[in-house]
Amino acid sequence: MEFAIQAEGLVKTFGSTRALDGVDLVARAGTVLGVLGPNGAGKTTTVRILATLLRPDAGRASVGGLDVVRDAGAVRAAIGLTGQYAAVDEMLTGTENLVMIGRLLGLPRRDAKSRAAQLLERFALTDAAGRAAGTYSGGMRRRLDLAASLVGRPSVLFLDEPTTGLDPHSRGELWDIVRGLVADGVTVLLTTQYLEEADQLADEIAVIDHGRVIAGGTPDQLKAQVGGQTLELRPARPAELGPVRTVLAAVSGHEPELSPTGVLSVPVRDDAVLPALVARLTEAGLVAGELALRRSSLDEVFLTLTGHREARPHDDADKTKVGV
């Protein structure tokens, strides 16, 4: 099988820091590969190598069958890249930003204007096309930034933290755009700080930590790899939180965690825990307001694999647009 993105044994050092220590990645054409990892894990360094912005010290990688070192120019012509922050010229209008990208890509002026109009319509920015980008909302700037990365009709798109700082509504709009691009056959490599985002969009996920891929597979496969389920319980009467917590600990064999919203949770591997808990609560005269047994979340998978939850990354944020 030929992969749209393939990396084998990528190594990159910066002074005494080994940012990548043998990273292997593959992404099938027309799918989303989610890359997760804690701050400084090497996610952005990996993207920069695949996007030809950095040369690896060892290993090899190809995008669309083209070697990222030997065929760097051809790779740049085939890809798009959107970094963690919108890289648009705020003095130019939406149309002017996209026409400028088109002209830099070698499009005739008429074709650049036509492509700009198409993308502005697709990203619901037509009404704001004549306004300076500096007057756009955060979500509008992000959509314009993503539109700019598509002017050259890339077959592979790198999205490095594309929804950082966006409100939930704007984030959802970008998710819909990504789904539409994949439906059109574009391959997407997505790094994200939002585990829900990876769960929603990624066909496969690679978890990177300390410069190595430590786990990979579909979201469901990763959840199954960690195993088990989580039992959540909210007492009907807040005053009974202590006794309910004691019963839950005794039945499950784990000390329950208490969320800020007053929900107790414990990991369970035996479905029999649920009826046993109900029986013990009834026997003790305690009432559960909410009681649920669910699969492990991707956040819990990440915590198990890396030892801590994902946090907003600050490692080598990339504002560069490839293909211009």
Protein backbone atom coordinates (compact mmCIF):
# COMPACT_ATOMS: atom_id res chain seq x y z
CA MET A 1 0.00 0.00 0.00
CA GLU A 2 1.31 3.47 -0.90
CA PHE A 3 0.76 6.00 1.85
CA ALA A 4 0.12 9.71 1.36
CA ILE A 5 2.47 10.38 4.31
CA GLN A 6 5.20 8.04 5.45
CA ALA A 7 8.04 8.60 7.91
CA GLU A 8 10.62 6.09 9.07
CA GLY A 9 13.08 6.60 11.90
CA LEU A 10 13.05 10.41 11.90
CA VAL A 11 15.71 11.91 14.17
CA LYS A 12 16.24 15.61 14.87
CA THR A 13 18.43 17.26 17.49
CA PHE A 14 18.76 20.88 18.54
CA GLY A 15 22.01 21.21 20.42
CA SER A 16 21.83 18.75 23.29
CA THR A 17 18.06 18.28 22.88
CA ARG A 18 16.92 15.24 20.91
CA ALA A 19 13.55 16.47 19.66
CA LEU A 20 12.84 13.37 17.57
CA ASP A 21 14.25 9.98 18.42
CA GLY A 22 13.13 7.66 15.63
CA VAL A 23 9.58 8.70 14.71
CA ASP A 24 7.59 6.38 12.42
CA LEU A 25 4.30 7.58 10.92
CA VAL A 26 1.98 6.60 8.08
CA ALA A 27 -1.24 8.12 6.77
CA ARG A 28 -3.49 6.62 4.12
CA ALA A 29 -4.70 8.89 1.32
CA GLY A 30 -7.98 10.65 2.02
CA THR A 31 -7.86 10.16 5.81
CA VAL A 32 -7.03 12.19 8.91
CA LEU A 33 -3.98 11.20 10.96
CA GLY A 34 -4.14 12.76 14.42
CA VAL A 35 -0.81 13.35 16.17
CA LEU A 36 -1.05 13.79 19.93
CA GLY A 37 1.61 14.42 22.53
CA PRO A 38 2.50 16.55 25.55
CA ASN A 39 4.35 19.85 25.29
CA GLY A 40 7.76 19.39 23.69
CA ALA A 41 7.02 15.84 22.53
CA GLY A 42 8.10 16.62 18.96
CA LYS A 43 4.77 17.10 17.18
CA THR A 44 5.59 20.41 15.48
CA THR A 45 9.14 19.31 14.68
CA THR A 46 7.67 16.30 12.90
CA VAL A 47 5.30 18.52 10.91
CA ARG A 48 8.13 20.85 9.93
CA ILE A 49 10.20 17.99 8.59
CA LEU A 50 7.28 16.59 6.61
CA ALA A 51 6.56 20.08 5.27
CA THR A 52 10.24 20.50 4.21
CA LEU A 53 10.89 23.34 6.67
CA LEU A 54 13.49 21.25 8.52
CA ARG A 55 15.89 18.55 7.36
CA PRO A 56 15.99 15.40 9.49
CA ASP A 57 19.34 14.37 10.96
CA ALA A 58 18.47 10.73 10.23
CA GLY A 59 15.61 8.69 8.85
CA ARG A 60 13.51 9.40 5.80
CA ALA A 61 10.04 10.65 4.94
CA SER A 62 7.84 10.99 1.89
CA VAL A 63 4.68 12.92 1.12
CA GLY A 64 2.62 11.84 -1.86
CA GLY A 65 5.42 9.46 -2.79
CA LEU A 66 7.96 12.33 -2.91
CA ASP A 67 11.02 12.38 -0.67
CA VAL A 68 10.89 15.44 1.61
CA VAL A 69 14.64 16.07 1.24
CA ARG A 70 15.45 14.99 -2.30
CA ASP A 71 12.16 16.27 -3.81
CA ALA A 72 11.52 19.18 -1.45
CA GLY A 73 10.32 21.57 -4.16
CA ALA A 74 7.80 19.10 -5.53
CA VAL A 75 6.58 18.33 -2.00
CA ARG A 76 5.96 22.03 -1.32
CA ALA A 77 3.90 22.26 -4.49
CA ALA A 78 1.70 19.36 -3.32
CA ILE A 79 1.00 20.39 0.27
CA GLY A 80 -0.59 23.07 2.40
CA LEU A 81 0.26 24.03 5.97
CA THR A 82 -1.63 25.95 8.60
CA GLY A 83 0.18 26.66 11.86
CA GLN A 84 -1.01 27.39 15.37
CA TYR A 85 -1.82 31.03 14.67
CA ALA A 86 -3.49 32.66 11.67
CA ALA A 87 -0.73 33.84 9.32
CA VAL A 88 -2.69 36.39 7.30
CA ASP A 89 -1.80 39.99 6.45
CA GLU A 90 -4.19 42.00 8.56
CA MET A 91 -3.71 45.11 6.38
CA LEU A 92 -5.01 43.32 3.30
CA THR A 93 -8.61 42.35 2.62
CA GLY A 94 -9.70 38.74 2.55
CA THR A 95 -9.65 38.76 -1.24
CA GLU A 96 -6.24 40.45 -1.39
CA ASN A 97 -4.74 37.87 0.96
CA LEU A 98 -5.86 34.97 -1.19
CA VAL A 99 -5.00 36.65 -4.50
CA MET A 100 -1.51 37.37 -3.17
CA ILE A 101 -1.03 33.68 -2.30
CA GLY A 102 -2.28 32.69 -5.74
CA ARG A 103 0.10 35.08 -7.48
CA LEU A 104 3.02 33.82 -5.40
CA LEU A 105 2.09 30.31 -6.52
CA GLY A 106 2.35 31.46 -10.12
CA LEU A 107 -1.35 31.71 -10.98
CA PRO A 108 -2.35 34.33 -13.58
CA ARG A 109 -4.17 37.25 -11.96
CA ARG A 110 -7.54 36.20 -13.36
CA ASP A 111 -7.14 32.65 -12.08
CA ALA A 112 -5.93 33.90 -8.68
CA LYS A 113 -9.03 36.10 -8.34
CA SER A 114 -11.30 33.25 -9.41
CA ARG A 115 -9.71 30.85 -6.91
CA ALA A 116 -9.96 33.47 -4.15
CA ALA A 117 -13.67 33.96 -4.83
CA GLN A 118 -14.27 30.19 -4.75
CA LEU A 119 -12.53 29.79 -1.40
CA LEU A 120 -14.16 32.84 0.17
CA GLU A 121 -17.55 31.39 -0.73
CA ARG A 122 -16.64 27.91 0.52
CA PHE A 123 -15.47 29.31 3.86
CA ALA A 124 -18.49 31.65 4.26
CA LEU A 125 -16.32 34.77 3.98
CA THR A 126 -17.81 36.35 0.84
CA ASP A 127 -19.59 39.09 2.78
CA ALA A 128 -16.30 40.05 4.46
CA ALA A 129 -14.14 39.66 1.34
CA GLY A 130 -13.59 43.42 0.94
CA ARG A 131 -12.75 44.08 4.59
CA ALA A 132 -9.26 44.18 6.06
CA ALA A 133 -8.42 40.85 7.70
CA GLY A 134 -7.53 42.76 10.87
CA THR A 135 -11.26 43.42 11.39
CA TYR A 136 -12.12 39.70 11.28
CA SER A 137 -13.06 37.68 14.35
CA GLY A 138 -10.72 34.94 15.51
CA GLY A 139 -12.80 32.27 13.81
CA MET A 140 -12.94 34.23 10.54
CA ARG A 141 -9.16 34.74 10.53
CA ARG A 142 -8.69 31.01 11.07
CA ARG A 143 -11.00 30.22 8.15
CA LEU A 144 -9.14 32.71 5.95
CA ASP A 145 -5.82 31.17 7.03
CA LEU A 146 -7.06 27.70 6.12
CA ALA A 147 -8.40 29.01 2.81
CA ALA A 148 -4.94 30.43 2.06
CA SER A 149 -3.39 26.99 2.53
CA LEU A 150 -5.81 25.58 -0.07
CA VAL A 151 -5.21 28.09 -2.87
CA GLY A 152 -2.79 25.68 -4.54
CA ARG A 153 -5.22 22.74 -4.28
CA PRO A 154 -2.94 20.60 -2.09
CA SER A 155 -3.41 16.86 -1.92
CA VAL A 156 -1.94 16.77 1.61
CA LEU A 157 -2.71 19.32 4.32
CA PHE A 158 -0.82 19.78 7.59
CA LEU A 159 -2.87 21.36 10.38
CA ASP A 160 -0.71 22.19 13.39
CA GLU A 161 -3.03 23.09 16.30
CA PRO A 162 -5.56 24.68 13.90
CA THR A 163 -8.23 25.48 16.51
CA THR A 164 -6.02 26.86 19.29
CA GLY A 165 -7.83 29.72 21.02
CA LEU A 166 -11.11 29.30 19.17
CA ASP A 167 -14.48 29.19 20.90
CA PRO A 168 -16.48 25.94 20.65
CA HIS A 169 -18.69 27.25 17.83
CA SER A 170 -15.74 28.32 15.66
CA ARG A 171 -13.97 25.05 16.45
CA GLY A 172 -17.01 23.12 15.25
CA GLU A 173 -17.06 25.12 12.01
CA LEU A 174 -13.44 24.19 11.31
CA TRP A 175 -14.21 20.54 12.07
CA ASP A 176 -16.90 20.61 9.39
CA ILE A 177 -14.44 22.17 6.93
CA VAL A 178 -11.86 19.46 7.63
CA ARG A 179 -14.48 16.75 7.11
CA GLY A 180 -15.40 18.34 3.79
CA LEU A 181 -11.77 18.42 2.65
CA VAL A 182 -11.30 14.74 3.49
CA ALA A 183 -14.49 13.91 1.62
CA ASP A 184 -12.87 15.60 -1.40
CA GLY A 185 -9.86 13.27 -1.10
CA VAL A 186 -7.42 15.50 0.79
CA THR A 187 -5.14 13.77 3.31
CA VAL A 188 -4.85 15.65 6.61
CA LEU A 189 -2.22 15.39 9.33
CA LEU A 190 -3.65 17.06 12.41
CA THR A 191 -1.82 17.93 15.61
CA THR A 192 -4.15 19.11 18.32
CA GLN A 193 -4.34 20.02 21.98
CA TYR A 194 -8.01 19.04 22.10
CA LEU A 195 -8.42 15.29 22.57
CA GLU A 196 -12.09 15.54 21.66
CA GLU A 197 -10.97 17.01 18.33
CA ALA A 198 -8.82 13.98 17.58
CA ASP A 199 -11.65 11.68 18.65
CA GLN A 200 -14.06 13.48 16.31
CA LEU A 201 -11.82 13.84 13.25
CA ALA A 202 -8.99 11.31 13.21
CA ASP A 203 -9.23 8.01 11.38
CA GLU A 204 -5.99 6.99 13.09
CA ILE A 205 -3.94 8.48 15.91
CA ALA A 206 -0.25 8.46 16.75
CA VAL A 207 0.78 9.40 20.28
CA ILE A 208 4.25 10.95 20.52
CA ASP A 209 6.19 11.37 23.75
CA HIS A 210 9.88 12.23 24.21
CA GLY A 211 10.40 12.19 20.46
CA ARG A 212 9.03 8.69 19.90
CA VAL A 213 5.69 7.24 18.82
CA ILE A 214 4.55 5.31 21.88
CA ALA A 215 1.12 4.17 20.61
CA GLY A 216 -0.96 4.19 17.47
CA GLY A 217 -4.22 3.01 15.98
CA THR A 218 -7.81 4.12 15.58
CA PRO A 219 -9.40 5.97 18.51
CA ASP A 220 -11.37 2.83 19.38
CA GLN A 221 -8.25 0.66 19.22
CA LEU A 222 -6.39 2.98 21.58
CA LYS A 223 -9.30 2.94 24.01
CA ALA A 224 -9.39 -0.84 23.86
CA GLN A 225 -5.63 -0.95 24.41
CA VAL A 226 -6.01 0.88 27.71
CA GLY A 227 -9.00 -1.29 28.50
CA GLY A 228 -11.69 -1.07 31.12
CA GLN A 229 -14.53 1.34 31.66
CA THR A 230 -15.32 4.21 33.98
CA LEU A 231 -18.20 4.18 36.43
CA GLU A 232 -19.60 7.63 37.25
CA LEU A 233 -21.93 8.36 40.15
CA ARG A 234 -23.54 11.54 41.43
CA PRO A 235 -25.39 11.29 44.76
CA ALA A 236 -28.99 12.48 44.65
CA ARG A 237 -28.41 14.23 47.99
CA PRO A 238 -25.10 16.16 48.23
CA ALA A 239 -24.99 15.56 51.99
CA GLU A 240 -24.55 11.83 51.27
CA LEU A 241 -21.37 12.32 49.24
CA GLY A 242 -19.16 10.85 51.98
CA PRO A 243 -21.13 7.62 52.54
CA VAL A 244 -21.65 7.13 48.80
CA ARG A 245 -17.93 7.56 48.22
CA THR A 246 -17.19 4.92 50.85
CA VAL A 247 -19.58 2.41 49.27
CA LEU A 248 -18.21 3.07 45.79
CA ALA A 249 -14.64 2.52 47.00
CA ALA A 250 -15.58 -0.71 48.75
CA VAL A 251 -17.39 -2.16 45.72
CA SER A 252 -14.88 -1.09 43.07
CA GLY A 253 -11.66 -1.51 45.01
CA HIS A 254 -10.50 1.96 43.90
CA GLU A 255 -10.50 5.33 45.63
CA PRO A 256 -13.05 7.43 43.67
CA GLU A 257 -12.06 10.70 42.02
CA LEU A 258 -14.34 13.67 42.64
CA SER A 259 -14.94 16.11 39.80
CA PRO A 260 -15.62 19.83 40.33
CA THR A 261 -19.25 19.14 39.41
CA GLY A 262 -19.69 16.59 42.22
CA VAL A 263 -19.39 13.39 40.16
CA LEU A 264 -17.51 10.43 41.63
CA SER A 265 -15.69 8.16 39.19
CA VAL A 266 -13.68 4.95 39.36
CA PRO A 267 -12.16 2.64 36.75
CA VAL A 268 -13.86 -0.76 36.45
CA ARG A 269 -13.07 -3.89 34.43
CA ASP A 270 -16.00 -6.04 35.55
CA ASP A 271 -19.56 -5.21 34.47
CA ALA A 272 -20.79 -6.94 37.64
CA VAL A 273 -19.62 -3.92 39.65
CA LEU A 274 -22.63 -1.90 38.52
CA PRO A 275 -25.42 -4.17 39.90
CA ALA A 276 -23.33 -4.83 43.02
CA LEU A 277 -23.06 -1.08 43.61
CA VAL A 278 -26.80 -0.55 43.16
CA ALA A 279 -27.50 -3.31 45.68
CA ARG A 280 -25.08 -1.85 48.25
CA LEU A 281 -26.47 1.67 47.85
CA THR A 282 -30.04 0.38 48.27
CA GLU A 283 -29.02 -1.60 51.33
CA ALA A 284 -27.46 1.51 52.85
CA GLY A 285 -30.46 3.70 52.02
CA LEU A 286 -28.41 5.86 49.66
CA VAL A 287 -29.76 7.23 46.36
CA ALA A 288 -27.86 7.83 43.13
CA GLY A 289 -28.97 10.88 41.18
CA GLU A 290 -26.89 9.82 38.18
CA LEU A 291 -25.20 6.49 37.52
CA ALA A 292 -23.40 5.56 34.31
CA LEU A 293 -20.85 3.08 32.99
CA ARG A 294 -18.88 4.31 29.96
CA ARG A 295 -15.82 3.40 27.93
CA SER A 296 -12.50 5.08 28.62
CA SER A 297 -12.21 8.48 26.94
CA LEU A 298 -9.32 9.48 24.71
CA ASP A 299 -8.25 11.83 27.50
CA GLU A 300 -7.94 8.88 29.86
CA VAL A 301 -6.01 6.95 27.21
CA PHE A 302 -3.60 9.86 26.86
CA LEU A 303 -3.19 10.09 30.64
CA THR A 304 -2.44 6.36 30.86
CA LEU A 305 0.08 6.42 28.01
CA THR A 306 2.00 9.58 28.91
CA GLY A 307 1.42 9.91 32.64
CA HIS A 308 -0.29 13.31 32.38
CA ARG A 309 -3.12 15.00 30.55
CA GLU A 310 -2.64 16.95 27.34
CA ALA A 311 -1.97 20.66 27.84
CA ARG A 312 -1.80 23.64 25.53
CA PRO A 313 1.52 23.31 23.73
CA HIS A 314 4.09 26.04 23.33
CA ASP A 315 6.75 24.07 21.44
CA ASP A 316 8.14 25.72 18.31
CA ALA A 317 4.83 27.16 17.09
CA ASP A 318 4.81 27.47 13.32
CA LYS A 319 3.33 30.47 11.54
CA THR A 320 4.78 29.65 8.13
CA LYS A 321 2.62 28.88 5.10
CA VAL A 322 4.11 26.24 2.79
CA GLY A 323 3.55 26.42 -0.93
CA VAL A 324 3.90 30.21 -1.24
